[in-house]
Amino acid sequence: MSGTTATAVTTGVTRRPGAVGPSDPPRRRPSWRLGDAIVPIFAGLAFLYLLVPIAYTVAFSFNQAGRTNLVWRGFTLDNWRNPCGAPQVCEALVNSLKVGGIATVVSTALGTLIALALVRYRFRGRAAANLLIFLPMSTPEVVLGAALLAQFLSLRVNPGFTTVVVAHIMFCISFVVVTVKARVASLDPRLEEAAADLYASSWQAFWRVTFPLLIPGIAAAALLAFSLSFDDFIITNFNSGNFTTFPKFVYVSATRGIPAQANVIGSAMFALALLLVVAVQVVSVARRRRT
């Protein structure tokens, strides 16, 4: 009688040949699997898909462009030395910065107050307000832009700077509310109760306890609102009239060739946003290490 059969007879347990028992060492995992290679490959392809247009924009900002900037003609730094060399490019950039700045400040202030009201207070129509907040986010921009234009024309308001600012504030508020609302919902209400136990008024508790905890969410919402406002074209095109923003300038210039200075401004904005994100991450890591 073999050793395995004897063990099975003694213990009363029958085991099939080749089965792994409690006393047998675990089988080793294969050193290489197909899934280990597929995930990095698909991740690399996704990043490549996202970064190729950005790399194209950065590369052609150094192009010796003539009337068009579609064919590579040689490397030059003249475009970066004179980013306002193309007609109206810097004027359009300044217009976009003005609209984005005003829309960001107003929508962030209003959206933060709305988010606090929706999370912390119970009032009639609260469920309807929660639903209506998502409408500008779910409505197609073509429909939204056309509806706003019809409203401005019915009120006999000429499209221009004011109508663009009002339109941008309108659709930015929804994104601010959703972002800040998530931050407010994550706060512990016992912190404010502890401040009240220490004889702090509701106003003092808000400014010294609640508001500092809301700053990361408010900052993220403001950055999102500015990015959406600066990048918007469809709603702006409907309600701008003769007023030109940077996306509108790029669209109009595409028919005759986008100037290299537009690539310079786009590359600079991307680099600025990237540096800002890296700086925020570095500060966050430093704070975690200190705490």
C-alpha atoms as a PDB file:
ATOM      1  CA  MET A   1       0.000   0.000   0.000  1.00  0.00           C
ATOM      2  CA  SER A   2       1.387   3.373  -0.946  1.00  0.00           C
ATOM      3  CA  GLY A   3       1.943   6.248   1.469  1.00  0.00           C
ATOM      4  CA  THR A   4      -0.931   8.322   0.079  1.00  0.00           C
ATOM      5  CA  THR A   5      -3.377   5.415   0.260  1.00  0.00           C
ATOM      6  CA  ALA A   6      -2.283   4.606   3.776  1.00  0.00           C
ATOM      7  CA  THR A   7      -2.810   8.189   4.869  1.00  0.00           C
ATOM      8  CA  ALA A   8      -6.265   8.234   3.272  1.00  0.00           C
ATOM      9  CA  VAL A   9      -7.232   4.998   5.039  1.00  0.00           C
ATOM     10  CA  THR A  10      -5.919   6.235   8.387  1.00  0.00           C
ATOM     11  CA  THR A  11      -7.630   9.641   8.255  1.00  0.00           C
ATOM     12  CA  GLY A  12     -10.780   8.502   6.513  1.00  0.00           C
ATOM     13  CA  VAL A  13     -10.399  11.134   3.791  1.00  0.00           C
ATOM     14  CA  THR A  14     -10.223  10.129   0.157  1.00  0.00           C
ATOM     15  CA  ARG A  15      -8.287  12.491  -2.118  1.00  0.00           C
ATOM     16  CA  ARG A  16      -8.084  12.383  -5.867  1.00  0.00           C
ATOM     17  CA  PRO A  17      -4.650  12.008  -7.440  1.00  0.00           C
ATOM     18  CA  GLY A  18      -3.134  15.396  -8.190  1.00  0.00           C
ATOM     19  CA  ALA A  19      -5.359  17.315  -5.728  1.00  0.00           C
ATOM     20  CA  VAL A  20      -3.750  19.791  -3.360  1.00  0.00           C
ATOM     21  CA  GLY A  21      -4.216  18.904   0.256  1.00  0.00           C
ATOM     22  CA  PRO A  22      -3.786  20.881   3.474  1.00  0.00           C
ATOM     23  CA  SER A  23      -0.297  19.549   3.983  1.00  0.00           C
ATOM     24  CA  ASP A  24       0.860  20.206   0.424  1.00  0.00           C
ATOM     25  CA  PRO A  25       2.686  23.466  -0.367  1.00  0.00           C
ATOM     26  CA  PRO A  26       0.584  26.055  -2.307  1.00  0.00           C
ATOM     27  CA  ARG A  27       1.063  26.165  -6.011  1.00  0.00           C
ATOM     28  CA  ARG A  28       3.226  29.001  -7.251  1.00  0.00           C
ATOM     29  CA  ARG A  29       1.572  31.777  -9.226  1.00  0.00           C
ATOM     30  CA  PRO A  30       2.799  32.010 -12.824  1.00  0.00           C
ATOM     31  CA  SER A  31       5.543  34.600 -13.142  1.00  0.00           C
ATOM     32  CA  TRP A  32       3.851  36.239 -16.136  1.00  0.00           C
ATOM     33  CA  ARG A  33       0.190  36.526 -17.135  1.00  0.00           C
ATOM     34  CA  LEU A  34      -1.472  38.105 -20.148  1.00  0.00           C
ATOM     35  CA  GLY A  35      -3.471  40.483 -17.945  1.00  0.00           C
ATOM     36  CA  ASP A  36      -0.273  41.947 -16.488  1.00  0.00           C
ATOM     37  CA  ALA A  37       0.687  43.147 -19.961  1.00  0.00           C
ATOM     38  CA  ILE A  38      -2.760  44.174 -21.270  1.00  0.00           C
ATOM     39  CA  VAL A  39      -3.482  46.738 -18.557  1.00  0.00           C
ATOM     40  CA  PRO A  40      -0.247  48.764 -19.036  1.00  0.00           C
ATOM     41  CA  ILE A  41      -0.654  48.595 -22.815  1.00  0.00           C
ATOM     42  CA  PHE A  42      -4.192  49.957 -22.767  1.00  0.00           C
ATOM     43  CA  ALA A  43      -3.241  52.606 -20.199  1.00  0.00           C
ATOM     44  CA  GLY A  44      -0.347  53.701 -22.383  1.00  0.00           C
ATOM     45  CA  LEU A  45      -2.580  53.879 -25.462  1.00  0.00           C
ATOM     46  CA  ALA A  46      -5.129  55.947 -23.545  1.00  0.00           C
ATOM     47  CA  PHE A  47      -2.481  58.427 -22.391  1.00  0.00           C
ATOM     48  CA  LEU A  48      -1.077  58.564 -25.911  1.00  0.00           C
ATOM     49  CA  TYR A  49      -4.529  59.306 -27.296  1.00  0.00           C
ATOM     50  CA  LEU A  50      -4.949  62.151 -24.797  1.00  0.00           C
ATOM     51  CA  LEU A  51      -1.487  63.657 -25.161  1.00  0.00           C
ATOM     52  CA  VAL A  52      -0.995  63.573 -28.932  1.00  0.00           C
ATOM     53  CA  PRO A  53      -3.136  66.696 -29.610  1.00  0.00           C
ATOM     54  CA  ILE A  54      -1.358  68.537 -26.797  1.00  0.00           C
ATOM     55  CA  ALA A  55       2.044  67.517 -28.158  1.00  0.00           C
ATOM     56  CA  TYR A  56       0.971  68.684 -31.614  1.00  0.00           C
ATOM     57  CA  THR A  57      -0.089  72.083 -30.215  1.00  0.00           C
ATOM     58  CA  VAL A  58       3.185  72.524 -28.327  1.00  0.00           C
ATOM     59  CA  ALA A  59       5.317  71.426 -31.276  1.00  0.00           C
ATOM     60  CA  PHE A  60       3.642  73.732 -33.797  1.00  0.00           C
ATOM     61  CA  SER A  61       4.003  76.696 -31.431  1.00  0.00           C
ATOM     62  CA  PHE A  62       7.684  76.586 -32.492  1.00  0.00           C
ATOM     63  CA  ASN A  63       6.897  76.342 -36.199  1.00  0.00           C
ATOM     64  CA  GLN A  64       8.083  78.907 -38.741  1.00  0.00           C
ATOM     65  CA  ALA A  65       4.528  79.401 -39.950  1.00  0.00           C
ATOM     66  CA  GLY A  66       3.598  81.574 -42.854  1.00  0.00           C
ATOM     67  CA  ARG A  67      -0.028  82.197 -43.676  1.00  0.00           C
ATOM     68  CA  THR A  68      -1.007  78.787 -42.295  1.00  0.00           C
ATOM     69  CA  ASN A  69       0.355  76.690 -39.458  1.00  0.00           C
ATOM     70  CA  LEU A  70      -0.524  73.283 -40.892  1.00  0.00           C
ATOM     71  CA  VAL A  71       2.846  72.207 -42.315  1.00  0.00           C
ATOM     72  CA  TRP A  72       6.139  72.053 -40.405  1.00  0.00           C
ATOM     73  CA  ARG A  73       8.602  74.517 -41.942  1.00  0.00           C
ATOM     74  CA  GLY A  74      11.294  74.735 -39.290  1.00  0.00           C
ATOM     75  CA  PHE A  75      12.023  75.479 -35.649  1.00  0.00           C
ATOM     76  CA  THR A  76      11.882  79.042 -34.298  1.00  0.00           C
ATOM     77  CA  LEU A  77      11.427  80.885 -31.013  1.00  0.00           C
ATOM     78  CA  ASP A  78       9.954  84.011 -32.597  1.00  0.00           C
ATOM     79  CA  ASN A  79       6.391  82.921 -31.828  1.00  0.00           C
ATOM     80  CA  TRP A  80       7.166  82.720 -28.102  1.00  0.00           C
ATOM     81  CA  ARG A  81       9.046  86.007 -28.160  1.00  0.00           C
ATOM     82  CA  ASN A  82       6.046  87.774 -29.709  1.00  0.00           C
ATOM     83  CA  PRO A  83       2.867  85.884 -28.722  1.00  0.00           C
ATOM     84  CA  CYS A  84       0.713  88.853 -29.750  1.00  0.00           C
ATOM     85  CA  GLY A  85       2.085  88.896 -33.285  1.00  0.00           C
ATOM     86  CA  ALA A  86      -1.138  87.591 -34.828  1.00  0.00           C
ATOM     87  CA  PRO A  87      -3.962  90.152 -35.144  1.00  0.00           C
ATOM     88  CA  GLN A  88      -6.542  90.076 -32.314  1.00  0.00           C
ATOM     89  CA  VAL A  89      -5.087  86.999 -30.620  1.00  0.00           C
ATOM     90  CA  CYS A  90      -4.161  88.776 -27.382  1.00  0.00           C
ATOM     91  CA  GLU A  91      -7.365  90.812 -27.429  1.00  0.00           C
ATOM     92  CA  ALA A  92      -9.356  87.575 -27.607  1.00  0.00           C
ATOM     93  CA  LEU A  93      -7.262  86.112 -24.773  1.00  0.00           C
ATOM     94  CA  VAL A  94      -7.895  89.126 -22.544  1.00  0.00           C
ATOM     95  CA  ASN A  95     -11.622  88.896 -23.263  1.00  0.00           C
ATOM     96  CA  SER A  96     -11.669  85.243 -22.259  1.00  0.00           C
ATOM     97  CA  LEU A  97      -9.753  85.993 -19.055  1.00  0.00           C
ATOM     98  CA  LYS A  98     -12.193  88.774 -18.158  1.00  0.00           C
ATOM     99  CA  VAL A  99     -15.250  86.637 -18.795  1.00  0.00           C
ATOM    100  CA  GLY A 100     -13.729  83.647 -17.007  1.00  0.00           C
ATOM    101  CA  GLY A 101     -12.694  85.705 -13.992  1.00  0.00           C
ATOM    102  CA  ILE A 102     -16.096  87.352 -13.510  1.00  0.00           C
ATOM    103  CA  ALA A 103     -18.002  84.134 -14.139  1.00  0.00           C
ATOM    104  CA  THR A 104     -15.764  82.225 -11.717  1.00  0.00           C
ATOM    105  CA  VAL A 105     -16.130  84.709  -8.855  1.00  0.00           C
ATOM    106  CA  VAL A 106     -19.897  85.099  -9.174  1.00  0.00           C
ATOM    107  CA  SER A 107     -20.707  81.447  -9.828  1.00  0.00           C
ATOM    108  CA  THR A 108     -18.421  80.248  -7.013  1.00  0.00           C
ATOM    109  CA  ALA A 109     -20.028  82.607  -4.494  1.00  0.00           C
ATOM    110  CA  LEU A 110     -23.596  81.777  -5.505  1.00  0.00           C
ATOM    111  CA  GLY A 111     -22.910  78.069  -5.963  1.00  0.00           C
ATOM    112  CA  THR A 112     -21.318  77.758  -2.518  1.00  0.00           C
ATOM    113  CA  LEU A 113     -24.328  79.377  -0.847  1.00  0.00           C
ATOM    114  CA  ILE A 114     -26.719  77.138  -2.788  1.00  0.00           C
ATOM    115  CA  ALA A 115     -24.722  74.028  -1.842  1.00  0.00           C
ATOM    116  CA  LEU A 116     -24.807  74.974   1.849  1.00  0.00           C
ATOM    117  CA  ALA A 117     -28.549  75.556   1.682  1.00  0.00           C
ATOM    118  CA  LEU A 118     -29.249  72.243  -0.060  1.00  0.00           C
ATOM    119  CA  VAL A 119     -27.187  70.170   2.379  1.00  0.00           C
ATOM    120  CA  ARG A 120     -27.655  71.891   5.726  1.00  0.00           C
ATOM    121  CA  TYR A 121     -31.242  73.154   5.570  1.00  0.00           C
ATOM    122  CA  ARG A 122     -34.696  71.683   4.958  1.00  0.00           C
ATOM    123  CA  PHE A 123     -37.134  73.892   3.038  1.00  0.00           C
ATOM    124  CA  ARG A 124     -40.059  73.580   0.684  1.00  0.00           C
ATOM    125  CA  GLY A 125     -38.954  72.878  -2.874  1.00  0.00           C
ATOM    126  CA  ARG A 126     -35.580  71.449  -1.856  1.00  0.00           C
ATOM    127  CA  ALA A 127     -36.024  68.300  -3.972  1.00  0.00           C
ATOM    128  CA  ALA A 128     -37.057  70.375  -6.983  1.00  0.00           C
ATOM    129  CA  ALA A 129     -34.035  72.639  -6.511  1.00  0.00           C
ATOM    130  CA  ASN A 130     -31.748  69.593  -6.453  1.00  0.00           C
ATOM    131  CA  LEU A 131     -33.262  68.450  -9.746  1.00  0.00           C
ATOM    132  CA  LEU A 132     -33.127  71.859 -11.430  1.00  0.00           C
ATOM    133  CA  ILE A 133     -29.454  72.284 -10.544  1.00  0.00           C
ATOM    134  CA  PHE A 134     -28.579  69.394 -12.854  1.00  0.00           C
ATOM    135  CA  LEU A 135     -30.537  70.692 -15.841  1.00  0.00           C
ATOM    136  CA  PRO A 136     -27.805  73.000 -17.242  1.00  0.00           C
ATOM    137  CA  MET A 137     -25.324  70.117 -16.945  1.00  0.00           C
ATOM    138  CA  SER A 138     -27.565  67.647 -18.782  1.00  0.00           C
ATOM    139  CA  THR A 139     -28.914  70.006 -21.441  1.00  0.00           C
ATOM    140  CA  PRO A 140     -26.993  70.011 -24.760  1.00  0.00           C
ATOM    141  CA  GLU A 141     -24.996  73.196 -25.211  1.00  0.00           C
ATOM    142  CA  VAL A 142     -26.618  73.900 -28.588  1.00  0.00           C
ATOM    143  CA  VAL A 143     -30.074  73.894 -26.983  1.00  0.00           C
ATOM    144  CA  LEU A 144     -28.854  75.949 -24.038  1.00  0.00           C
ATOM    145  CA  GLY A 145     -27.103  78.524 -26.217  1.00  0.00           C
ATOM    146  CA  ALA A 146     -30.072  78.909 -28.562  1.00  0.00           C
ATOM    147  CA  ALA A 147     -32.491  79.254 -25.641  1.00  0.00           C
ATOM    148  CA  LEU A 148     -30.363  81.938 -24.013  1.00  0.00           C
ATOM    149  CA  LEU A 149     -30.070  83.832 -27.293  1.00  0.00           C
ATOM    150  CA  ALA A 150     -33.852  83.753 -27.751  1.00  0.00           C
ATOM    151  CA  GLN A 151     -34.316  85.017 -24.197  1.00  0.00           C
ATOM    152  CA  PHE A 152     -31.847  87.889 -24.672  1.00  0.00           C
ATOM    153  CA  LEU A 153     -33.447  88.892 -27.973  1.00  0.00           C
ATOM    154  CA  SER A 154     -36.931  88.829 -26.456  1.00  0.00           C
ATOM    155  CA  LEU A 155     -35.649  91.142 -23.724  1.00  0.00           C
ATOM    156  CA  ARG A 156     -34.054  93.331 -26.433  1.00  0.00           C
ATOM    157  CA  VAL A 157     -30.554  92.841 -25.040  1.00  0.00           C
ATOM    158  CA  ASN A 158     -27.862  93.024 -27.701  1.00  0.00           C
ATOM    159  CA  PRO A 159     -25.426  90.074 -27.609  1.00  0.00           C
ATOM    160  CA  GLY A 160     -21.997  91.029 -26.361  1.00  0.00           C
ATOM    161  CA  PHE A 161     -19.803  90.987 -23.277  1.00  0.00           C
ATOM    162  CA  THR A 162     -22.704  91.151 -20.792  1.00  0.00           C
ATOM    163  CA  THR A 163     -24.687  88.330 -22.365  1.00  0.00           C
ATOM    164  CA  VAL A 164     -21.606  86.097 -22.489  1.00  0.00           C
ATOM    165  CA  VAL A 165     -20.879  86.710 -18.803  1.00  0.00           C
ATOM    166  CA  VAL A 166     -24.501  85.983 -17.810  1.00  0.00           C
ATOM    167  CA  ALA A 167     -24.512  82.782 -19.875  1.00  0.00           C
ATOM    168  CA  HIS A 168     -21.244  81.569 -18.384  1.00  0.00           C
ATOM    169  CA  ILE A 169     -22.376  82.267 -14.827  1.00  0.00           C
ATOM    170  CA  MET A 170     -25.548  80.319 -15.506  1.00  0.00           C
ATOM    171  CA  PHE A 171     -23.921  77.067 -16.571  1.00  0.00           C
ATOM    172  CA  CYS A 172     -20.946  77.352 -14.185  1.00  0.00           C
ATOM    173  CA  ILE A 173     -23.195  77.549 -11.109  1.00  0.00           C
ATOM    174  CA  SER A 174     -24.355  73.956 -11.589  1.00  0.00           C
ATOM    175  CA  PHE A 175     -20.813  72.579 -11.581  1.00  0.00           C
ATOM    176  CA  VAL A 176     -19.893  74.656  -8.533  1.00  0.00           C
ATOM    177  CA  VAL A 177     -22.936  73.458  -6.603  1.00  0.00           C
ATOM    178  CA  VAL A 178     -22.219  69.791  -7.337  1.00  0.00           C
ATOM    179  CA  THR A 179     -18.551  70.126  -6.357  1.00  0.00           C
ATOM    180  CA  VAL A 180     -19.072  72.119  -3.148  1.00  0.00           C
ATOM    181  CA  LYS A 181     -22.109  70.053  -2.196  1.00  0.00           C
ATOM    182  CA  ALA A 182     -19.988  66.922  -2.032  1.00  0.00           C
ATOM    183  CA  ARG A 183     -17.532  68.707   0.251  1.00  0.00           C
ATOM    184  CA  VAL A 184     -20.263  70.038   2.541  1.00  0.00           C
ATOM    185  CA  ALA A 185     -21.852  66.594   2.850  1.00  0.00           C
ATOM    186  CA  SER A 186     -18.524  65.128   4.011  1.00  0.00           C
ATOM    187  CA  LEU A 187     -18.103  67.587   6.896  1.00  0.00           C
ATOM    188  CA  ASP A 188     -18.800  66.446  10.435  1.00  0.00           C
ATOM    189  CA  PRO A 189     -21.589  68.624  11.939  1.00  0.00           C
ATOM    190  CA  ARG A 190     -20.245  67.898  15.424  1.00  0.00           C
ATOM    191  CA  LEU A 191     -17.404  70.327  14.753  1.00  0.00           C
ATOM    192  CA  GLU A 192     -19.864  73.213  14.551  1.00  0.00           C
ATOM    193  CA  GLU A 193     -21.672  71.889  17.613  1.00  0.00           C
ATOM    194  CA  ALA A 194     -18.363  71.889  19.494  1.00  0.00           C
ATOM    195  CA  ALA A 195     -17.776  75.504  18.433  1.00  0.00           C
ATOM    196  CA  ALA A 196     -21.247  76.413  19.704  1.00  0.00           C
ATOM    197  CA  ASP A 197     -20.458  74.727  23.031  1.00  0.00           C
ATOM    198  CA  LEU A 198     -17.426  77.029  23.237  1.00  0.00           C
ATOM    199  CA  TYR A 199     -19.774  80.063  23.005  1.00  0.00           C
ATOM    200  CA  ALA A 200     -19.113  80.767  19.329  1.00  0.00           C
ATOM    201  CA  SER A 201     -21.944  82.399  17.416  1.00  0.00           C
ATOM    202  CA  SER A 202     -23.249  80.813  14.215  1.00  0.00           C
ATOM    203  CA  TRP A 203     -21.314  83.380  12.172  1.00  0.00           C
ATOM    204  CA  GLN A 204     -18.077  82.736  14.082  1.00  0.00           C
ATOM    205  CA  ALA A 205     -18.541  78.962  13.761  1.00  0.00           C
ATOM    206  CA  PHE A 206     -18.986  79.312  10.015  1.00  0.00           C
ATOM    207  CA  TRP A 207     -15.924  81.509   9.418  1.00  0.00           C
ATOM    208  CA  ARG A 208     -13.573  79.748  11.841  1.00  0.00           C
ATOM    209  CA  VAL A 209     -14.685  76.126  11.454  1.00  0.00           C
ATOM    210  CA  THR A 210     -16.875  75.474   8.411  1.00  0.00           C
ATOM    211  CA  PHE A 211     -15.372  77.843   5.867  1.00  0.00           C
ATOM    212  CA  PRO A 212     -11.714  76.719   6.339  1.00  0.00           C
ATOM    213  CA  LEU A 213     -12.830  73.119   5.841  1.00  0.00           C
ATOM    214  CA  LEU A 214     -14.707  74.116   2.675  1.00  0.00           C
ATOM    215  CA  ILE A 215     -11.755  75.902   1.079  1.00  0.00           C
ATOM    216  CA  PRO A 216     -10.415  72.829  -0.821  1.00  0.00           C
ATOM    217  CA  GLY A 217     -13.844  72.149  -2.325  1.00  0.00           C
ATOM    218  CA  ILE A 218     -14.415  75.818  -3.150  1.00  0.00           C
ATOM    219  CA  ALA A 219     -10.990  76.079  -4.789  1.00  0.00           C
ATOM    220  CA  ALA A 220     -11.647  72.972  -6.885  1.00  0.00           C
ATOM    221  CA  ALA A 221     -15.033  74.337  -7.923  1.00  0.00           C
ATOM    222  CA  ALA A 222     -13.513  77.710  -8.871  1.00  0.00           C
ATOM    223  CA  LEU A 223     -10.827  76.054 -11.010  1.00  0.00           C
ATOM    224  CA  LEU A 224     -13.462  73.922 -12.726  1.00  0.00           C
ATOM    225  CA  ALA A 225     -15.684  76.945 -13.376  1.00  0.00           C
ATOM    226  CA  PHE A 226     -12.806  78.956 -14.844  1.00  0.00           C
ATOM    227  CA  SER A 227     -11.755  76.063 -17.085  1.00  0.00           C
ATOM    228  CA  LEU A 228     -15.297  75.600 -18.380  1.00  0.00           C
ATOM    229  CA  SER A 229     -15.752  79.323 -18.973  1.00  0.00           C
ATOM    230  CA  PHE A 230     -12.396  79.838 -20.673  1.00  0.00           C
ATOM    231  CA  ASP A 231     -12.881  76.791 -22.902  1.00  0.00           C
ATOM    232  CA  ASP A 232     -16.536  77.294 -23.878  1.00  0.00           C
ATOM    233  CA  PHE A 233     -17.327  77.926 -27.524  1.00  0.00           C
ATOM    234  CA  ILE A 234     -20.878  76.812 -28.389  1.00  0.00           C
ATOM    235  CA  ILE A 235     -22.819  78.893 -25.860  1.00  0.00           C
ATOM    236  CA  THR A 236     -20.405  81.784 -26.374  1.00  0.00           C
ATOM    237  CA  ASN A 237     -20.827  81.688 -30.135  1.00  0.00           C
ATOM    238  CA  PHE A 238     -24.606  81.956 -29.798  1.00  0.00           C
ATOM    239  CA  ASN A 239     -24.575  84.891 -27.370  1.00  0.00           C
ATOM    240  CA  SER A 240     -21.407  86.868 -28.173  1.00  0.00           C
ATOM    241  CA  GLY A 241     -22.386  88.902 -31.235  1.00  0.00           C
ATOM    242  CA  ASN A 242     -19.262  90.768 -32.329  1.00  0.00           C
ATOM    243  CA  PHE A 243     -17.529  90.034 -29.033  1.00  0.00           C
ATOM    244  CA  THR A 244     -14.627  87.601 -29.551  1.00  0.00           C
ATOM    245  CA  THR A 245     -13.196  85.186 -27.014  1.00  0.00           C
ATOM    246  CA  PHE A 246     -10.135  83.019 -27.475  1.00  0.00           C
ATOM    247  CA  PRO A 247     -12.031  79.804 -28.451  1.00  0.00           C
ATOM    248  CA  LYS A 248     -14.097  81.815 -30.929  1.00  0.00           C
ATOM    249  CA  PHE A 249     -10.928  83.354 -32.369  1.00  0.00           C
ATOM    250  CA  VAL A 250      -9.411  79.892 -32.857  1.00  0.00           C
ATOM    251  CA  TYR A 251     -12.568  78.637 -34.568  1.00  0.00           C
ATOM    252  CA  VAL A 252     -12.748  81.580 -36.952  1.00  0.00           C
ATOM    253  CA  SER A 253      -9.008  81.335 -37.674  1.00  0.00           C
ATOM    254  CA  ALA A 254      -9.273  77.614 -38.474  1.00  0.00           C
ATOM    255  CA  THR A 255     -10.769  78.409 -41.889  1.00  0.00           C
ATOM    256  CA  ARG A 256      -7.586  80.190 -42.961  1.00  0.00           C
ATOM    257  CA  GLY A 257      -5.100  78.425 -40.701  1.00  0.00           C
ATOM    258  CA  ILE A 258      -4.683  78.847 -36.958  1.00  0.00           C
ATOM    259  CA  PRO A 259      -1.711  81.177 -36.295  1.00  0.00           C
ATOM    260  CA  ALA A 260       1.239  79.836 -34.360  1.00  0.00           C
ATOM    261  CA  GLN A 261       0.634  82.446 -31.644  1.00  0.00           C
ATOM    262  CA  ALA A 262      -2.622  80.667 -30.786  1.00  0.00           C
ATOM    263  CA  ASN A 263      -0.586  77.499 -30.233  1.00  0.00           C
ATOM    264  CA  VAL A 264       1.756  79.481 -28.013  1.00  0.00           C
ATOM    265  CA  ILE A 265      -1.106  80.709 -25.838  1.00  0.00           C
ATOM    266  CA  GLY A 266      -2.664  77.254 -25.674  1.00  0.00           C
ATOM    267  CA  SER A 267       0.670  75.690 -24.692  1.00  0.00           C
ATOM    268  CA  ALA A 268       1.243  78.349 -22.036  1.00  0.00           C
ATOM    269  CA  MET A 269      -2.217  77.786 -20.539  1.00  0.00           C
ATOM    270  CA  PHE A 270      -1.607  74.025 -20.450  1.00  0.00           C
ATOM    271  CA  ALA A 271       1.779  74.493 -18.768  1.00  0.00           C
ATOM    272  CA  LEU A 272       0.257  76.880 -16.221  1.00  0.00           C
ATOM    273  CA  ALA A 273      -2.538  74.439 -15.378  1.00  0.00           C
ATOM    274  CA  LEU A 274      -0.041  71.584 -15.089  1.00  0.00           C
ATOM    275  CA  LEU A 275       2.191  73.574 -12.740  1.00  0.00           C
ATOM    276  CA  LEU A 276      -0.822  74.495 -10.631  1.00  0.00           C
ATOM    277  CA  VAL A 277      -1.892  70.859 -10.295  1.00  0.00           C
ATOM    278  CA  VAL A 278       1.646  69.779  -9.402  1.00  0.00           C
ATOM    279  CA  ALA A 279       1.947  72.562  -6.821  1.00  0.00           C
ATOM    280  CA  VAL A 280      -1.341  71.528  -5.187  1.00  0.00           C
ATOM    281  CA  GLN A 281      -0.203  67.919  -5.011  1.00  0.00           C
ATOM    282  CA  VAL A 282       3.149  68.888  -3.499  1.00  0.00           C
ATOM    283  CA  VAL A 283       1.453  71.032  -0.846  1.00  0.00           C
ATOM    284  CA  SER A 284      -0.991  68.224  -0.035  1.00  0.00           C
ATOM    285  CA  VAL A 285       1.817  65.705   0.390  1.00  0.00           C
ATOM    286  CA  ALA A 286       3.756  68.130   2.600  1.00  0.00           C
ATOM    287  CA  ARG A 287       0.715  68.650   4.812  1.00  0.00           C
ATOM    288  CA  ARG A 288       0.164  64.913   5.186  1.00  0.00           C
ATOM    289  CA  ARG A 289       3.778  64.421   6.246  1.00  0.00           C
ATOM    290  CA  ARG A 290       3.529  67.181   8.839  1.00  0.00           C
ATOM    291  CA  THR A 291       0.356  65.747  10.307  1.00  0.00           C
END
